[in-house]
Amino acid sequence: TMQDQPIELTITNKNELFQSYMPYIKNGGLFVRTNANYSLGQPITITLKLWCLADDVTITGKVVWVTPLHAQGGRPSGIGVQIIQE
């Protein structure tokens, strides 16, 4: 299934990074825009492409937040991923 594949998250500048980063999640987290269905607690791998790094970073985490399609207030759909410290 698609959910078993790493999610690719490309962040092109510092402002985007601040918008994606979720500091109130223990160990930090990232918001990933997606229309795919994920479940709370689901393990996930993110391939992170940052404008300031030559190499991609692989992050493992778990889904701790889900914003569904057509959420109130026009918020983008996606998931909050808690970063799991290896």
Protein backbone atom coordinates (compact mmCIF):
# COMPACT_ATOMS: atom_id res chain seq x y z
CA THR A 1 0.00 0.00 0.00
CA MET A 2 1.00 3.60 -0.41
CA GLN A 3 1.25 4.05 3.36
CA ASP A 4 4.19 1.59 3.49
CA GLN A 5 6.22 3.82 1.18
CA PRO A 6 8.32 6.63 2.64
CA ILE A 7 6.64 10.02 2.34
CA GLU A 8 8.73 12.58 0.52
CA LEU A 9 8.71 16.01 2.16
CA THR A 10 10.51 18.80 0.34
CA ILE A 11 11.15 22.02 2.24
CA THR A 12 12.56 24.80 0.10
CA ASN A 13 13.22 27.54 2.66
CA LYS A 14 13.37 28.39 6.35
CA ASN A 15 9.82 29.79 6.40
CA GLU A 16 8.42 26.49 5.10
CA LEU A 17 10.42 24.65 7.75
CA PHE A 18 8.90 26.78 10.52
CA GLN A 19 5.41 26.15 9.08
CA SER A 20 5.99 22.37 8.98
CA TYR A 21 7.74 21.96 12.35
CA MET A 22 5.53 21.09 15.35
CA PRO A 23 7.62 22.03 18.44
CA TYR A 24 4.92 21.15 21.00
CA ILE A 25 5.19 17.44 20.10
CA LYS A 26 7.64 15.53 22.32
CA ASN A 27 10.98 15.14 20.43
CA GLY A 28 9.55 17.48 17.80
CA GLY A 29 7.31 16.70 14.89
CA LEU A 30 6.55 17.61 11.31
CA PHE A 31 3.27 18.38 9.58
CA VAL A 32 3.09 16.63 6.22
CA ARG A 33 0.42 17.64 3.70
CA THR A 34 -1.19 14.53 2.27
CA ASN A 35 -4.56 13.35 1.03
CA ALA A 36 -3.76 9.73 1.90
CA ASN A 37 -5.43 8.04 4.86
CA TYR A 38 -3.26 7.41 7.91
CA SER A 39 -4.15 6.16 11.37
CA LEU A 40 -3.05 7.55 14.72
CA GLY A 41 -0.05 5.63 16.01
CA GLN A 42 0.88 4.40 12.55
CA PRO A 43 4.67 4.14 12.05
CA ILE A 44 5.95 6.20 9.16
CA THR A 45 9.16 7.03 7.33
CA ILE A 46 9.79 10.47 5.84
CA THR A 47 12.43 11.25 3.25
CA LEU A 48 13.15 14.90 4.01
CA LYS A 49 14.71 17.10 1.34
CA LEU A 50 15.97 20.38 2.78
CA TRP A 51 17.14 23.34 0.73
CA CYS A 52 20.22 23.71 2.95
CA LEU A 53 21.44 20.08 2.80
CA ALA A 54 22.92 18.20 -0.15
CA ASP A 55 21.70 14.82 1.07
CA ASP A 56 18.19 13.71 1.95
CA VAL A 57 17.45 12.95 5.60
CA THR A 58 15.43 9.87 6.56
CA ILE A 59 13.19 10.35 9.59
CA THR A 60 11.22 7.65 11.35
CA GLY A 61 8.18 8.61 13.33
CA LYS A 62 4.57 7.88 14.09
CA VAL A 63 1.34 9.63 13.23
CA VAL A 64 0.08 11.67 16.20
CA TRP A 65 -2.25 14.08 14.41
CA VAL A 66 -4.61 13.78 11.45
CA THR A 67 -6.23 16.72 9.64
CA PRO A 68 -8.85 15.19 7.31
CA LEU A 69 -9.76 16.35 3.82
CA HIS A 70 -12.16 19.31 3.87
CA ALA A 71 -11.20 20.27 7.43
CA GLN A 72 -12.87 23.30 9.02
CA GLY A 73 -11.37 26.69 8.30
CA GLY A 74 -9.83 25.54 5.02
CA ARG A 75 -6.85 23.97 6.78
CA PRO A 76 -4.76 21.73 4.53
CA SER A 77 -5.24 17.99 4.96
CA GLY A 78 -2.29 16.09 6.32
CA ILE A 79 -0.67 14.36 9.25
CA GLY A 80 1.47 15.34 12.21
CA VAL A 81 4.39 12.97 12.62
CA GLN A 82 6.20 12.65 15.94
CA ILE A 83 9.91 12.10 15.36
CA ILE A 84 11.13 8.91 16.98
CA GLN A 85 14.65 9.19 18.33
CA GLU A 86 16.71 6.23 17.14
